[in-house]
Protein backbone atom coordinates (compact mmCIF):
# COMPACT_ATOMS: atom_id res chain seq x y z
CA MET A 1 39.89 35.27 31.12
CA ILE A 2 42.94 35.50 33.35
CA THR A 3 46.25 37.23 32.74
CA ILE A 4 49.91 36.53 33.44
CA SER A 5 49.63 39.01 36.30
CA ASP A 6 46.82 36.92 37.80
CA LEU A 7 48.96 33.80 37.59
CA GLU A 8 51.93 35.49 39.23
CA LYS A 9 49.74 36.98 41.96
CA HIS A 10 47.81 33.85 42.95
CA ASP A 11 50.48 31.26 42.10
CA PRO A 12 53.59 32.95 43.53
CA SER A 13 55.59 29.69 43.72
CA GLY A 14 55.12 29.21 39.97
CA MET A 15 53.40 25.84 39.65
CA HIS A 16 52.03 27.00 36.28
CA LYS A 17 55.59 27.49 35.02
CA ILE A 18 56.41 23.85 35.76
CA TYR A 19 53.36 22.72 33.77
CA ASP A 20 54.53 24.83 30.86
CA GLN A 21 57.70 22.71 30.92
CA TRP A 22 55.96 19.32 31.09
CA PRO A 23 56.72 18.25 27.48
CA GLN A 24 60.43 19.02 27.92
CA ILE A 25 60.52 17.39 31.36
CA ALA A 26 58.92 14.29 29.82
CA ARG A 27 61.56 14.10 27.09
CA ASP A 28 64.47 14.79 29.47
CA SER A 29 63.20 12.19 31.93
CA TYR A 30 62.81 9.48 29.33
CA GLU A 31 66.22 10.23 27.83
CA SER A 32 67.94 10.52 31.21
CA ASP A 33 71.07 8.63 32.22
CA LEU A 34 69.24 6.63 34.90
CA MET A 35 70.34 3.00 34.65
CA PRO A 36 67.63 0.69 33.24
CA VAL A 37 66.97 -2.54 35.11
CA ASN A 38 65.59 -5.83 33.86
CA PHE A 39 63.29 -7.93 36.04
CA ASP A 40 62.72 -11.39 34.60
CA GLY A 41 59.68 -13.60 35.09
CA ILE A 42 57.34 -10.88 36.34
CA ARG A 43 53.70 -11.97 36.39
CA HIS A 44 52.36 -9.54 38.96
CA MET A 45 53.19 -5.84 39.37
CA VAL A 46 52.23 -3.83 42.43
CA PHE A 47 52.38 -0.04 42.10
CA ALA A 48 52.59 1.67 45.48
CA GLY A 49 52.14 5.38 46.09
CA MET A 50 49.87 8.03 47.51
CA GLY A 51 48.39 11.20 46.04
CA GLY A 52 50.29 12.42 42.99
CA SER A 53 52.59 9.40 43.20
CA GLY A 54 49.62 7.04 43.47
CA ALA A 55 48.23 8.34 40.19
CA ILE A 56 51.19 6.70 38.44
CA GLY A 57 49.85 3.29 39.41
CA ASP A 58 46.46 4.12 37.88
CA LEU A 59 48.23 5.09 34.65
CA PHE A 60 50.23 1.86 34.49
CA THR A 61 47.10 -0.16 35.19
CA SER A 62 45.65 1.18 31.95
CA ILE A 63 48.90 0.67 30.02
CA LEU A 64 49.12 -2.97 31.14
CA SER A 65 45.39 -3.74 30.94
CA LYS A 66 45.72 -5.80 27.75
CA THR A 67 48.74 -7.82 28.82
CA ASP A 68 49.01 -11.04 30.83
CA ILE A 69 50.63 -9.19 33.74
CA HIS A 70 48.38 -8.93 36.79
CA VAL A 71 48.43 -5.38 38.17
CA SER A 72 47.60 -4.13 41.67
CA VAL A 73 47.59 -0.50 42.79
CA VAL A 74 48.02 0.00 46.52
CA LYS A 75 47.30 3.37 48.07
CA GLY A 76 47.70 2.37 51.69
CA TYR A 77 49.74 0.18 54.02
CA VAL A 78 49.05 -3.45 53.04
CA LEU A 79 50.35 -5.52 50.12
CA PRO A 80 48.05 -8.02 48.38
CA VAL A 81 48.28 -11.59 49.70
CA THR A 82 49.08 -12.69 46.13
CA VAL A 83 52.58 -11.17 46.29
CA ASP A 84 55.24 -13.82 45.61
CA GLU A 85 58.65 -14.29 43.97
CA ASN A 86 57.16 -13.41 40.56
CA THR A 87 55.91 -10.04 41.86
CA LEU A 88 57.56 -6.69 41.26
CA VAL A 89 56.69 -3.95 43.74
CA VAL A 90 57.26 -0.50 42.23
CA ALA A 91 57.17 2.20 44.92
CA PHE A 92 56.82 5.91 44.17
CA SER A 93 57.20 8.80 46.61
CA GLY A 94 57.98 12.34 45.53
CA SER A 95 59.59 13.24 48.83
CA GLY A 96 60.76 9.74 49.65
CA ASN A 97 59.15 10.06 53.08
CA THR A 98 55.58 8.87 52.48
CA LYS A 99 54.76 6.62 55.45
CA GLU A 100 52.33 4.32 53.65
CA THR A 101 54.71 3.71 50.73
CA LEU A 102 57.70 3.10 53.00
CA THR A 103 55.64 0.56 54.95
CA LEU A 104 54.83 -1.29 51.72
CA LEU A 105 58.47 -1.28 50.66
CA GLU A 106 59.48 -2.72 54.03
CA SER A 107 56.85 -5.46 53.67
CA ALA A 108 58.04 -6.27 50.15
CA ASN A 109 61.60 -6.59 51.41
CA LYS A 110 60.54 -9.11 54.06
CA LEU A 111 58.63 -11.17 51.46
CA ASN A 112 61.71 -11.41 49.21
CA CYS A 113 59.78 -10.31 46.12
CA LYS A 114 61.43 -8.03 43.56
CA SER A 115 61.25 -4.33 44.36
CA ILE A 116 62.33 -0.93 43.09
CA GLY A 117 61.90 2.52 44.58
CA PHE A 118 61.58 5.89 42.87
CA SER A 119 61.87 9.15 44.81
CA SER A 120 63.77 12.42 45.01
CA GLY A 121 65.68 11.10 48.02
CA GLY A 122 64.47 10.97 51.62
CA LYS A 123 63.97 7.86 53.74
CA MET A 124 63.21 5.72 50.70
CA GLU A 125 66.69 6.25 49.30
CA LEU A 126 68.28 5.38 52.64
CA PHE A 127 66.13 2.25 53.08
CA CYS A 128 66.78 0.95 49.57
CA THR A 129 70.52 1.57 49.84
CA LYS A 130 70.70 -0.18 53.22
CA ASN A 131 68.74 -3.21 52.01
CA ASN A 132 70.25 -3.53 48.51
CA ILE A 133 66.92 -2.74 46.84
CA GLU A 134 66.96 -1.27 43.34
CA TYR A 135 66.48 2.48 43.61
CA ARG A 136 66.44 5.40 41.20
CA LYS A 137 66.60 9.03 42.27
CA ILE A 138 64.41 11.22 40.08
CA PRO A 139 64.26 15.01 39.70
CA PHE A 140 61.69 16.79 41.85
CA TYR A 141 59.77 19.72 40.37
CA HIS A 142 57.84 21.93 42.79
CA SER A 143 55.53 19.25 44.30
CA PRO A 144 54.68 15.55 43.88
CA ARG A 145 51.69 16.37 41.64
CA ALA A 146 53.72 18.71 39.43
CA SER A 147 56.51 16.09 39.32
CA PHE A 148 54.10 13.46 37.99
CA VAL A 149 55.46 13.70 34.45
CA SER A 150 59.05 13.28 35.67
CA SER A 151 58.14 10.16 37.65
CA VAL A 152 56.19 8.61 34.76
CA TYR A 153 58.82 9.02 32.07
CA SER A 154 61.77 8.26 34.35
CA SER A 155 60.14 4.95 35.33
CA LEU A 156 59.26 4.19 31.70
CA HIS A 157 62.96 4.54 30.90
CA VAL A 158 64.21 2.50 33.86
CA LEU A 159 61.64 -0.27 33.40
CA GLU A 160 61.73 -0.35 29.60
CA ASN A 161 62.95 -3.97 29.59
CA THR A 162 60.16 -5.05 31.93
CA LEU A 163 57.16 -3.11 30.63
CA PRO A 164 55.53 -4.23 27.35
CA ILE A 165 55.45 -0.74 25.83
CA LYS A 166 57.44 0.30 22.77
CA LYS A 167 59.73 3.29 22.39
CA ASN A 168 57.69 4.71 19.53
CA GLN A 169 54.59 4.74 21.74
CA ILE A 170 56.46 6.66 24.42
CA TYR A 171 57.86 9.18 21.96
CA GLU A 172 54.42 9.53 20.40
CA SER A 173 53.03 10.54 23.79
CA ILE A 174 55.77 13.15 24.26
CA THR A 175 55.12 14.61 20.82
CA LYS A 176 51.42 14.83 21.65
CA LEU A 177 52.29 16.68 24.86
CA GLU A 178 54.33 19.16 22.86
CA GLU A 179 51.43 19.71 20.49
CA GLN A 180 48.97 20.04 23.36
CA SER A 181 51.13 22.63 25.08
CA LYS A 182 50.62 25.12 22.25
CA ASN A 183 46.92 25.27 23.10
CA ILE A 184 46.77 25.06 26.89
CA SER A 185 49.93 26.79 28.13
CA ILE A 186 50.15 30.22 29.75
CA GLU A 187 51.34 31.55 26.41
CA ASN A 188 47.78 31.12 25.11
CA LEU A 189 45.47 32.79 27.65
CA THR A 190 42.79 33.23 25.00
CA PRO A 191 39.22 31.97 24.44
CA ASN A 192 40.53 28.94 22.51
CA ASN A 193 42.58 27.59 25.43
CA ALA A 194 40.79 24.28 26.18
CA SER A 195 42.02 24.05 29.79
CA LEU A 196 41.06 27.62 30.60
CA ASN A 197 37.63 27.27 28.98
CA LEU A 198 36.91 24.18 31.05
CA ALA A 199 38.11 25.94 34.21
CA GLU A 200 35.63 28.75 33.62
CA PHE A 201 32.81 26.21 33.24
CA ILE A 202 33.42 24.39 36.54
CA ASP A 203 32.56 27.22 38.91
CA GLU A 204 30.51 24.71 40.92
CA ILE A 205 31.16 21.08 41.90
CA PRO A 206 32.12 19.00 38.83
CA CYS A 207 30.86 15.47 38.22
CA ILE A 208 33.44 13.78 36.02
CA TYR A 209 32.14 10.94 33.82
CA TYR A 210 34.64 8.59 32.21
CA PRO A 211 34.88 5.29 30.29
CA HIS A 212 36.67 2.45 32.07
CA GLY A 213 39.88 2.78 30.03
CA LEU A 214 40.36 6.42 31.03
CA PHE A 215 39.88 5.87 34.75
CA ALA A 216 43.40 7.15 35.47
CA ALA A 217 42.73 10.54 33.85
CA ALA A 218 39.42 11.01 35.68
CA ILE A 219 40.81 10.15 39.12
CA ARG A 220 43.83 12.36 38.54
CA PHE A 221 41.56 15.27 37.52
CA LYS A 222 39.46 14.86 40.67
CA ASN A 223 42.57 14.80 42.86
CA SER A 224 44.11 17.82 41.11
CA LEU A 225 40.93 19.83 41.61
CA HIS A 226 41.02 18.87 45.30
CA GLU A 227 44.66 19.88 45.79
CA ASN A 228 45.09 22.77 43.38
CA ALA A 229 41.67 24.45 43.29
CA LYS A 230 40.68 23.34 46.83
CA MET A 231 37.24 22.32 45.56
CA HIS A 232 35.01 19.27 45.81
CA ALA A 233 34.74 16.99 42.78
CA PHE A 234 33.62 13.43 42.17
CA VAL A 235 33.92 10.83 39.42
CA GLU A 236 31.54 8.32 37.85
CA ASP A 237 32.06 5.48 35.38
CA ILE A 238 29.64 6.35 32.55
CA ILE A 239 28.27 2.81 32.24
CA GLU A 240 27.70 2.31 35.97
CA ALA A 241 26.35 5.87 36.31
CA SER A 242 23.64 5.00 33.80
CA HIS A 243 22.25 2.61 36.43
CA ASN A 244 22.23 5.03 39.38
CA ASN A 245 23.93 8.44 39.26
CA ILE A 246 21.91 9.66 36.28
CA VAL A 247 18.76 9.66 38.46
CA SER A 248 20.18 12.48 40.58
CA TRP A 249 19.73 14.86 37.64
CA GLU A 250 15.95 14.62 38.03
CA THR A 251 16.18 17.42 40.60
CA PRO A 252 17.75 20.86 40.00
CA SER A 253 21.47 20.99 40.68
CA LYS A 254 24.44 23.32 40.34
CA ILE A 255 26.78 20.39 39.74
CA LYS A 256 28.59 20.59 36.41
CA PRO A 257 28.89 17.38 34.33
CA ILE A 258 32.11 16.80 32.42
CA LEU A 259 32.35 13.94 29.92
CA ILE A 260 35.85 12.55 29.36
CA ARG A 261 35.82 10.64 26.11
CA GLY A 262 38.37 8.48 24.32
CA SER A 263 39.02 8.77 20.61
CA GLU A 264 38.42 5.02 20.27
CA ASP A 265 35.81 4.27 22.91
CA TYR A 266 34.04 0.92 22.74
CA ILE A 267 30.97 1.05 20.48
CA LYS A 268 28.55 0.48 23.37
CA THR A 269 30.27 3.23 25.35
CA ILE A 270 29.80 5.62 22.43
CA GLU A 271 26.13 4.69 22.36
CA ARG A 272 25.88 5.50 26.07
CA TRP A 273 27.61 8.86 25.60
CA ASP A 274 25.08 9.78 22.90
CA ILE A 275 22.12 8.83 25.10
CA VAL A 276 23.42 10.73 28.13
CA LYS A 277 24.18 13.81 26.04
CA LYS A 278 20.66 13.72 24.60
CA TYR A 279 19.24 13.44 28.13
CA PHE A 280 21.26 16.45 29.27
CA ASP A 281 20.19 18.48 26.23
CA GLU A 282 16.50 17.63 26.64
CA ASN A 283 16.63 18.62 30.31
CA ASN A 284 18.65 21.82 29.78
CA ILE A 285 21.63 20.58 31.77
CA PRO A 286 24.84 22.31 30.61
CA PHE A 287 27.81 19.97 30.19
CA ARG A 288 31.28 19.89 28.63
CA GLU A 289 33.08 17.20 26.67
CA VAL A 290 36.82 16.58 26.84
CA ASN A 291 38.15 14.33 24.09
CA SER A 292 41.40 12.42 24.13
CA VAL A 293 43.99 12.76 21.40
CA GLU A 294 44.44 10.06 18.77
CA GLY A 295 47.13 7.49 19.52
CA GLY A 296 48.10 4.83 22.04
CA ILE A 297 46.75 4.58 25.57
CA LEU A 298 49.81 6.35 27.01
CA SER A 299 49.28 9.29 24.65
CA LYS A 300 45.57 9.44 25.44
CA ILE A 301 45.92 9.43 29.21
CA MET A 302 49.01 11.63 29.53
CA ASN A 303 47.53 14.31 27.28
CA LEU A 304 44.23 14.24 29.14
CA ILE A 305 46.08 14.57 32.44
CA TYR A 306 48.09 17.48 31.05
CA LEU A 307 44.97 19.32 29.86
CA LEU A 308 42.99 18.59 33.03
CA ASP A 309 45.81 19.38 35.45
CA PHE A 310 46.30 22.74 33.76
CA CYS A 311 42.54 23.24 34.09
CA SER A 312 42.79 22.73 37.86
CA ILE A 313 45.49 25.41 38.08
CA TYR A 314 43.46 27.86 36.01
CA ARG A 315 40.42 27.11 38.18
CA ALA A 316 42.50 27.97 41.27
CA ILE A 317 43.56 31.29 39.75
CA LEU A 318 39.98 32.11 38.74
CA SER A 319 38.95 31.44 42.35
CA LYS A 320 41.88 33.54 43.62
CA VAL A 321 43.32 30.49 45.35
CA ASP A 322 47.02 29.63 45.59
CA PRO A 323 47.29 26.10 44.10
CA THR A 324 50.43 25.17 46.04
CA PRO A 325 49.62 25.06 49.80
CA ILE A 326 47.94 21.88 51.07
CA LYS A 327 47.31 22.85 54.68
CA SER A 328 44.78 20.10 55.38
CA LEU A 329 47.16 17.40 54.17
CA ASP A 330 50.00 18.91 56.19
CA TYR A 331 47.77 18.87 59.27
CA ILE A 332 46.99 15.17 58.86
CA LYS A 333 50.63 14.27 58.22
CA SER A 334 51.69 16.19 61.33
CA LYS A 335 49.39 14.02 63.45
CA LEU A 336 50.56 10.66 62.11
CA SER A 337 52.82 8.57 64.30
């Protein structure tokens, strides 16, 4: 187990303290005085962003999966060719200076589709102001990945008249975050802390299995392990993995399987989980299960992300790694024209 002293020593900028505040940040962001906006006739939504900001698009893909709104997530420079006057491009950038996202926003402006930008300022604010594009400035906490919760709930508030999600579902997710915090926060550095227990298990490369509906949580976990713990990780859809990835376990491996499960997984997915677990047990392959909370899809994914993000911070501390610096990313950004 780790101590508060360990956290302060290896996380001197205090990322863990921001995560302790996530439930309150979520509530403050959703109840903020940012002006809501109503976009009529939207049939296609494009979520643009990279890294921590890009994860927001994955989340909204799941939220909107059972609606008649077509959703695209773009983590790059090029908009889909299907963008038209019934498209809303929603651009996220923590700093407001992400080159890929700014390029997409410029393209959207030229195509005369509907657009809105979310950032803490930067070039995005200047561009949106100059071109009369809807823009909302959101609070920035520590880093784009730590600010994820602020971006999610600020945009849920601003786009509440456009997104088919009810207030009670949003407040349910915040309440679940508050409940989750009691178990995984730095105030509970004990053997029953689910995030810390998982962090101790993944001392080698984790293989993260997920059902289709929880894709956003799995990808976010992988990315957080990359950035915070500076470790390799990869993800596999449990159904697809049953046709290929599972074969890799026929040879000895130090890779650690993690099964991310939903409280209401499809019956055939549950069957697959049971079979894979039995296979692991019969072949003496240690694994861990992470189960979502009960509730709507927003509650499920946000609480999984909260638990798994905290796990990535604890894993960094256990490895004596500062979760904040991202030297490799800074190197790449410094070389971009």
